[in-house]
Each structure stands twice: as C-alpha cells, then as structure tokens.
Amino acid sequence: MHTIFDIACNFTNERFDKDLNDVISRSFDNNITKFGLICSQLKDVQRIIEIKDLYPNSMYFTLGVHPHNSNEINEFSLKNLHDFIKKLNPNAIGETGLDFYRNLSTYEEQTFAFEEQIKIAIEFNKPLFLHQRDAHDEFMKIIRKYSSEIPKAVVHCFTGTQSQLDDYLELDFYLGLTGWICDEKRNIDLRKAIKNIPLSKLMIETDCPYLVPKNLPNKSNRNEPSNLNHIANEIAFLMEVDEDSLRKETYENSVNFFDA
C-alpha cells in the first residue's frame, strides 16, 4: 500500500507532551510518512519549529490562529504573525476560519481574524488551511470577497452537506476528511455526498488527538496518525474506489498543497 500523508496533526497539544516520538515512530511503522503540523495560536510557534526541526523531511507546518483563539488577534499580534511568517516560511496559513458552534471568540473577533489571515495568505502567496463549523454562510460570504486572489485552500475536517461541498468545489478548494466519516449514525449526509468529492480535490487527516474514529477496534480516547489507515480504508469503501489509488492520490494532493 502507498504511504499516506496526515494533513492535520495537533502535535503541540499537551496530550502528546510525554510520548510524541513514540507516536511518530508508530506512524512510520504504519506507513504514515508525512504530517501537517497545525498551529492554533501564536504560543504554539516555538514548539512547532522544535518538532519540525526534529523531523525535517516529514513535517509541514502552518502558522495562524484558530477561530477559538481569534480574541488574540490585534494590531500587535498581527505584526507578530506577519513577522513569524516572513522569518519561518510556513507551508500554509491557518488554522483559520469561523466556528459558531462554541463561539469561544465573538463573531466580531472571528470575522476580523479570519479576514486578516486571508489577506496575509494572499500577501505571502500561501495556501489557506481552513476551519468552518456551523458558520457556512458567513464563511462563504467572507471567502468569496477574496476567492480570486487566494492561491489555494483546504477546508479541513469537512463534515458538511452536498450543498456545502458544491460551494467549496466551485471555488476549487480541497476537502480534508477525518475519522468523523466513520460514524454512520451522525454522518448520513456526508456518507452520501462523499462519492461526489473528486479524488483530485481530496486529502485525509486524523486531526489528532481529536476525532477518534467511532468504529475503530481497540480504540483509546486519543487519536493519532497511525489510525489514518483505518480512515483511508473507510473512505475508499464509501467512495467505491481502490484504496491504494486513494492513498496515492491524496498523498500527491497533500504534497502539492503543502509544496512538500
């Protein structure tokens, strides 16, 4: 089977503090060879660079602020983010977007932070690593203002409907699918729509340590990249495509997206 690329790993999460090297070693043993190292807030940056330096041929990283942490964004922090990007040359900008499910930052804080990070991605000609939850209409309203200038983008952890999928594909965005797809009770719409995602626009991810696949045998309460084989198998089954073809194409999509 072809090696695969986990595009969303939250390795700065404290749940990986004690055994990250073991987690990554286990991933290599399970044919997961490249990782998207995701930034959620500016305090992650130092740790991200440390991890990237430990695995320079396997880690591809983003810099940005998650919508939950949008209240961090102000004139001073935007300058810091801008300086970090100029100095460190990340593979993408994000994780940025809108999350109206939890509203840990206000509507105003989220929309401001989202637009400012889109502008930064355009300025530096970097891909956007996007998050959207319960905010599709406002998300699309903002994205469409800049869509002609956005180099490329992935809507990671896509859990939406056929209508939302159509909107993203119309903009030529990539879609990232997680172990959420493995929950047949909560995923009726997505499990139907999945066949309509072109393999050329698909990437796969664990979003570890979150989103442990529902039907994973012998699962723990922490997700990790080695579970991506299970997710790839489920996606191939639902899409009715050859699993090795899916692994190969999603790997190539991810390498191209991150300029890896």
Protein backbone atom coordinates (compact mmCIF):
# COMPACT_ATOMS: atom_id res chain seq x y z
CA MET A 1 0.00 0.00 0.00
CA HIS A 2 1.13 3.53 -0.81
CA THR A 3 2.34 5.70 2.06
CA ILE A 4 -0.06 8.41 3.25
CA PHE A 5 0.03 11.99 4.48
CA ASP A 6 -1.89 13.08 7.59
CA ILE A 7 -2.61 16.74 6.87
CA ALA A 8 -3.83 17.69 10.37
CA CYS A 9 -1.84 16.81 13.48
CA ASN A 10 -2.16 18.96 16.58
CA PHE A 11 1.17 17.80 18.00
CA THR A 12 1.50 20.89 20.21
CA ASN A 13 -1.44 19.58 22.24
CA GLU A 14 -0.42 18.65 25.78
CA ARG A 15 -1.65 15.10 25.23
CA PHE A 16 1.44 14.49 23.12
CA ASP A 17 3.92 16.04 25.55
CA LYS A 18 5.18 12.78 27.03
CA ASP A 19 5.40 10.43 24.05
CA LEU A 20 5.40 12.34 20.75
CA ASN A 21 8.44 10.49 19.44
CA ASP A 22 6.70 7.16 20.09
CA VAL A 23 3.57 8.40 18.34
CA ILE A 24 5.54 9.43 15.27
CA SER A 25 7.57 6.21 15.27
CA ARG A 26 4.31 4.24 15.39
CA SER A 27 3.05 6.30 12.46
CA PHE A 28 6.12 5.49 10.37
CA ASP A 29 5.64 1.81 11.19
CA ASN A 30 2.06 2.10 9.88
CA ASN A 31 3.05 3.74 6.57
CA ILE A 32 2.14 7.31 7.51
CA THR A 33 5.24 9.24 6.48
CA LYS A 34 4.29 12.93 6.26
CA PHE A 35 2.37 15.19 8.63
CA GLY A 36 0.70 18.58 8.59
CA LEU A 37 1.71 20.24 11.85
CA ILE A 38 -1.11 22.63 12.68
CA CYS A 39 -0.83 25.95 14.50
CA SER A 40 -3.80 27.14 16.59
CA GLN A 41 -2.33 30.15 18.38
CA LEU A 42 0.86 32.14 18.42
CA LYS A 43 2.17 30.48 21.55
CA ASP A 44 2.38 27.23 19.51
CA VAL A 45 5.03 28.60 17.18
CA GLN A 46 8.16 27.75 19.17
CA ARG A 47 7.05 24.16 19.79
CA ILE A 48 6.05 23.75 16.14
CA ILE A 49 9.52 24.73 14.99
CA GLU A 50 11.10 22.37 17.53
CA ILE A 51 9.04 19.46 16.18
CA LYS A 52 9.68 20.46 12.58
CA ASP A 53 13.43 20.53 13.23
CA LEU A 54 13.30 17.03 14.73
CA TYR A 55 11.62 15.61 11.62
CA PRO A 56 12.59 17.98 8.78
CA ASN A 57 11.69 15.56 5.99
CA SER A 58 8.29 14.64 7.40
CA MET A 59 6.73 17.76 8.96
CA TYR A 60 5.00 20.53 7.03
CA PHE A 61 3.59 23.29 9.15
CA THR A 62 1.03 26.05 9.25
CA LEU A 63 1.11 29.36 11.09
CA GLY A 64 -2.09 31.07 12.15
CA VAL A 65 -4.80 31.45 14.75
CA HIS A 66 -7.78 29.10 15.13
CA PRO A 67 -11.21 30.78 15.35
CA HIS A 68 -11.47 29.72 19.00
CA ASN A 69 -8.44 31.93 19.68
CA SER A 70 -9.46 34.85 17.49
CA ASN A 71 -9.60 37.10 20.54
CA GLU A 72 -5.79 37.00 20.46
CA ILE A 73 -5.71 38.91 17.18
CA ASN A 74 -5.00 42.63 17.40
CA GLU A 75 -2.63 45.06 15.71
CA PHE A 76 0.33 43.85 17.78
CA SER A 77 -0.28 40.10 17.36
CA LEU A 78 -0.93 40.52 13.63
CA LYS A 79 2.50 42.10 13.30
CA ASN A 80 4.00 39.15 15.22
CA LEU A 81 2.21 36.69 12.94
CA HIS A 82 3.39 38.58 9.88
CA ASP A 83 6.98 38.55 11.18
CA PHE A 84 6.83 34.83 12.01
CA ILE A 85 5.61 34.01 8.50
CA LYS A 86 8.29 36.15 6.88
CA LYS A 87 11.01 34.54 9.01
CA LEU A 88 9.87 30.92 9.20
CA ASN A 89 8.23 30.43 5.78
CA PRO A 90 5.39 28.06 6.73
CA ASN A 91 3.76 25.74 4.22
CA ALA A 92 0.30 27.25 4.78
CA ILE A 93 -1.59 29.89 6.78
CA GLY A 94 -4.03 28.75 9.45
CA GLU A 95 -5.78 27.09 11.00
CA THR A 96 -8.18 29.97 10.37
CA GLY A 97 -11.89 30.32 9.72
CA LEU A 98 -15.12 30.54 11.68
CA ASP A 99 -16.62 28.41 14.45
CA PHE A 100 -20.09 29.43 15.60
CA TYR A 101 -20.70 26.11 17.38
CA ARG A 102 -18.78 27.07 20.51
CA ASN A 103 -18.25 30.81 19.98
CA LEU A 104 -15.17 30.85 22.21
CA SER A 105 -14.36 34.14 20.49
CA THR A 106 -17.05 36.61 19.49
CA TYR A 107 -18.49 36.96 16.00
CA GLU A 108 -16.62 40.22 15.52
CA GLU A 109 -13.32 38.76 16.74
CA GLN A 110 -13.65 35.72 14.49
CA THR A 111 -14.57 37.56 11.32
CA PHE A 112 -11.79 40.11 11.83
CA ALA A 113 -9.15 37.45 12.49
CA PHE A 114 -10.34 35.39 9.53
CA GLU A 115 -10.19 38.27 7.05
CA GLU A 116 -6.79 39.42 8.27
CA GLN A 117 -5.32 35.94 7.87
CA ILE A 118 -6.79 35.61 4.38
CA LYS A 119 -5.06 38.89 3.50
CA ILE A 120 -1.78 37.57 4.88
CA ALA A 121 -2.08 34.36 2.84
CA ILE A 122 -2.64 36.42 -0.30
CA GLU A 123 0.28 38.72 0.52
CA PHE A 124 2.69 35.81 1.00
CA ASN A 125 1.11 33.65 -1.72
CA LYS A 126 0.49 30.84 0.76
CA PRO A 127 -2.26 28.21 0.87
CA LEU A 128 -5.04 28.58 3.44
CA PHE A 129 -5.77 25.86 5.98
CA LEU A 130 -9.43 26.46 6.82
CA HIS A 131 -11.85 25.60 9.63
CA GLN A 132 -15.62 26.01 9.42
CA ARG A 133 -18.22 24.81 11.88
CA ASP A 134 -21.85 25.94 11.96
CA ALA A 135 -20.83 29.08 10.06
CA HIS A 136 -21.04 28.14 6.40
CA ASP A 137 -23.00 31.13 5.07
CA GLU A 138 -20.82 33.76 6.76
CA PHE A 139 -17.70 31.75 5.92
CA MET A 140 -18.63 31.74 2.22
CA LYS A 141 -19.53 35.42 2.29
CA ILE A 142 -16.03 36.31 3.50
CA ILE A 143 -14.20 33.78 1.32
CA ARG A 144 -15.94 34.95 -1.84
CA LYS A 145 -14.67 38.50 -1.26
CA TYR A 146 -11.13 37.21 -1.76
CA SER A 147 -11.57 33.99 -3.74
CA SER A 148 -9.99 35.28 -6.94
CA GLU A 149 -6.79 36.10 -5.01
CA ILE A 150 -6.49 33.03 -2.74
CA PRO A 151 -3.67 30.81 -4.08
CA LYS A 152 -5.26 27.55 -2.87
CA ALA A 153 -7.16 26.32 0.17
CA VAL A 154 -8.31 23.22 2.01
CA VAL A 155 -11.44 23.05 4.15
CA HIS A 156 -10.12 20.67 6.74
CA CYS A 157 -12.31 18.29 8.74
CA PHE A 158 -15.15 18.59 6.25
CA THR A 159 -18.39 17.27 7.78
CA GLY A 160 -20.92 19.15 5.67
CA THR A 161 -23.71 18.59 3.18
CA GLN A 162 -23.76 18.17 -0.59
CA SER A 163 -24.71 21.84 -0.94
CA GLN A 164 -21.69 22.94 1.11
CA LEU A 165 -19.47 20.57 -0.84
CA ASP A 166 -20.68 22.14 -4.07
CA ASP A 167 -19.78 25.61 -2.76
CA TYR A 168 -16.23 24.54 -1.91
CA LEU A 169 -15.68 22.68 -5.16
CA GLU A 170 -16.94 25.68 -7.12
CA LEU A 171 -14.04 27.62 -5.57
CA ASP A 172 -11.64 24.76 -6.44
CA PHE A 173 -10.89 24.14 -2.75
CA TYR A 174 -9.59 20.86 -1.39
CA LEU A 175 -11.55 18.90 1.21
CA GLY A 176 -9.98 17.17 4.20
CA LEU A 177 -11.82 14.13 5.59
CA THR A 178 -11.29 12.80 9.11
CA GLY A 179 -12.39 9.82 11.19
CA TRP A 180 -15.72 11.63 11.59
CA ILE A 181 -16.68 9.78 8.40
CA CYS A 182 -16.58 6.53 10.40
CA ASP A 183 -19.70 7.43 12.40
CA GLU A 184 -22.59 6.14 10.29
CA LYS A 185 -25.28 7.45 12.65
CA ARG A 186 -24.21 11.12 12.66
CA ASN A 187 -22.83 11.19 9.14
CA ILE A 188 -25.71 10.26 6.88
CA ASP A 189 -25.42 13.33 4.61
CA LEU A 190 -21.65 13.21 4.32
CA ARG A 191 -21.51 9.46 3.73
CA LYS A 192 -23.86 10.00 0.79
CA ALA A 193 -22.08 13.07 -0.59
CA ILE A 194 -18.59 11.60 -0.33
CA LYS A 195 -18.81 9.93 -3.75
CA ASN A 196 -19.09 13.39 -5.27
CA ILE A 197 -15.69 14.54 -4.00
CA PRO A 198 -13.20 14.21 -6.86
CA LEU A 199 -10.11 12.32 -5.79
CA SER A 200 -8.11 15.21 -7.23
CA LYS A 201 -9.55 17.51 -4.50
CA LEU A 202 -9.36 15.10 -1.55
CA MET A 203 -6.94 14.94 1.38
CA ILE A 204 -7.15 12.81 4.53
CA GLU A 205 -6.40 13.54 8.15
CA THR A 206 -6.83 12.45 11.75
CA ASP A 207 -7.00 15.92 13.38
CA CYS A 208 -5.29 14.11 16.26
CA PRO A 209 -5.63 13.96 19.22
CA TYR A 210 -9.30 14.69 18.42
CA LEU A 211 -11.93 12.73 16.46
CA VAL A 212 -11.10 9.11 17.28
CA PRO A 213 -12.89 7.04 14.58
CA LYS A 214 -16.15 5.70 16.01
CA ASN A 215 -15.73 2.19 14.60
CA LEU A 216 -12.02 1.82 15.34
CA PRO A 217 -11.25 -1.53 17.00
CA ASN A 218 -9.48 -1.29 20.37
CA LYS A 219 -9.69 2.50 20.38
CA SER A 220 -8.31 4.79 23.07
CA ASN A 221 -9.51 8.30 23.89
CA ARG A 222 -6.58 9.86 22.00
CA ASN A 223 -6.40 9.84 18.23
CA GLU A 224 -3.04 9.58 16.49
CA PRO A 225 -1.77 9.36 12.90
CA SER A 226 -1.42 5.57 12.90
CA ASN A 227 -5.23 5.46 12.77
CA LEU A 228 -5.19 7.07 9.32
CA ASN A 229 -5.02 3.64 7.68
CA HIS A 230 -8.42 2.82 9.17
CA ILE A 231 -9.84 6.16 7.96
CA ALA A 232 -8.44 5.68 4.45
CA ASN A 233 -9.99 2.23 4.26
CA GLU A 234 -13.42 3.57 5.31
CA ILE A 235 -13.27 6.44 2.80
CA ALA A 236 -12.26 4.11 -0.05
CA PHE A 237 -15.16 1.80 0.83
CA LEU A 238 -17.70 4.65 0.85
CA MET A 239 -16.35 6.19 -2.36
CA GLU A 240 -16.19 2.77 -4.02
CA VAL A 241 -12.63 3.33 -5.18
CA ASP A 242 -9.46 1.29 -4.92
CA GLU A 243 -7.82 2.05 -1.57
CA ASP A 244 -4.30 2.21 -2.93
CA SER A 245 -5.40 4.67 -5.62
CA LEU A 246 -6.99 6.83 -2.92
CA ARG A 247 -3.85 6.67 -0.79
CA LYS A 248 -1.62 7.59 -3.72
CA GLU A 249 -3.76 10.48 -4.96
CA THR A 250 -4.42 12.01 -1.54
CA TYR A 251 -0.70 11.79 -0.81
CA GLU A 252 0.16 13.59 -4.04
CA ASN A 253 -2.55 16.21 -3.44
CA SER A 254 -1.14 16.88 0.01
CA VAL A 255 2.45 17.11 -1.18
CA ASN A 256 1.38 19.58 -3.87
CA PHE A 257 -0.75 21.60 -1.45
CA PHE A 258 1.99 21.98 1.14
CA ASP A 259 4.71 22.27 -1.51
CA ALA A 260 6.38 19.42 0.35
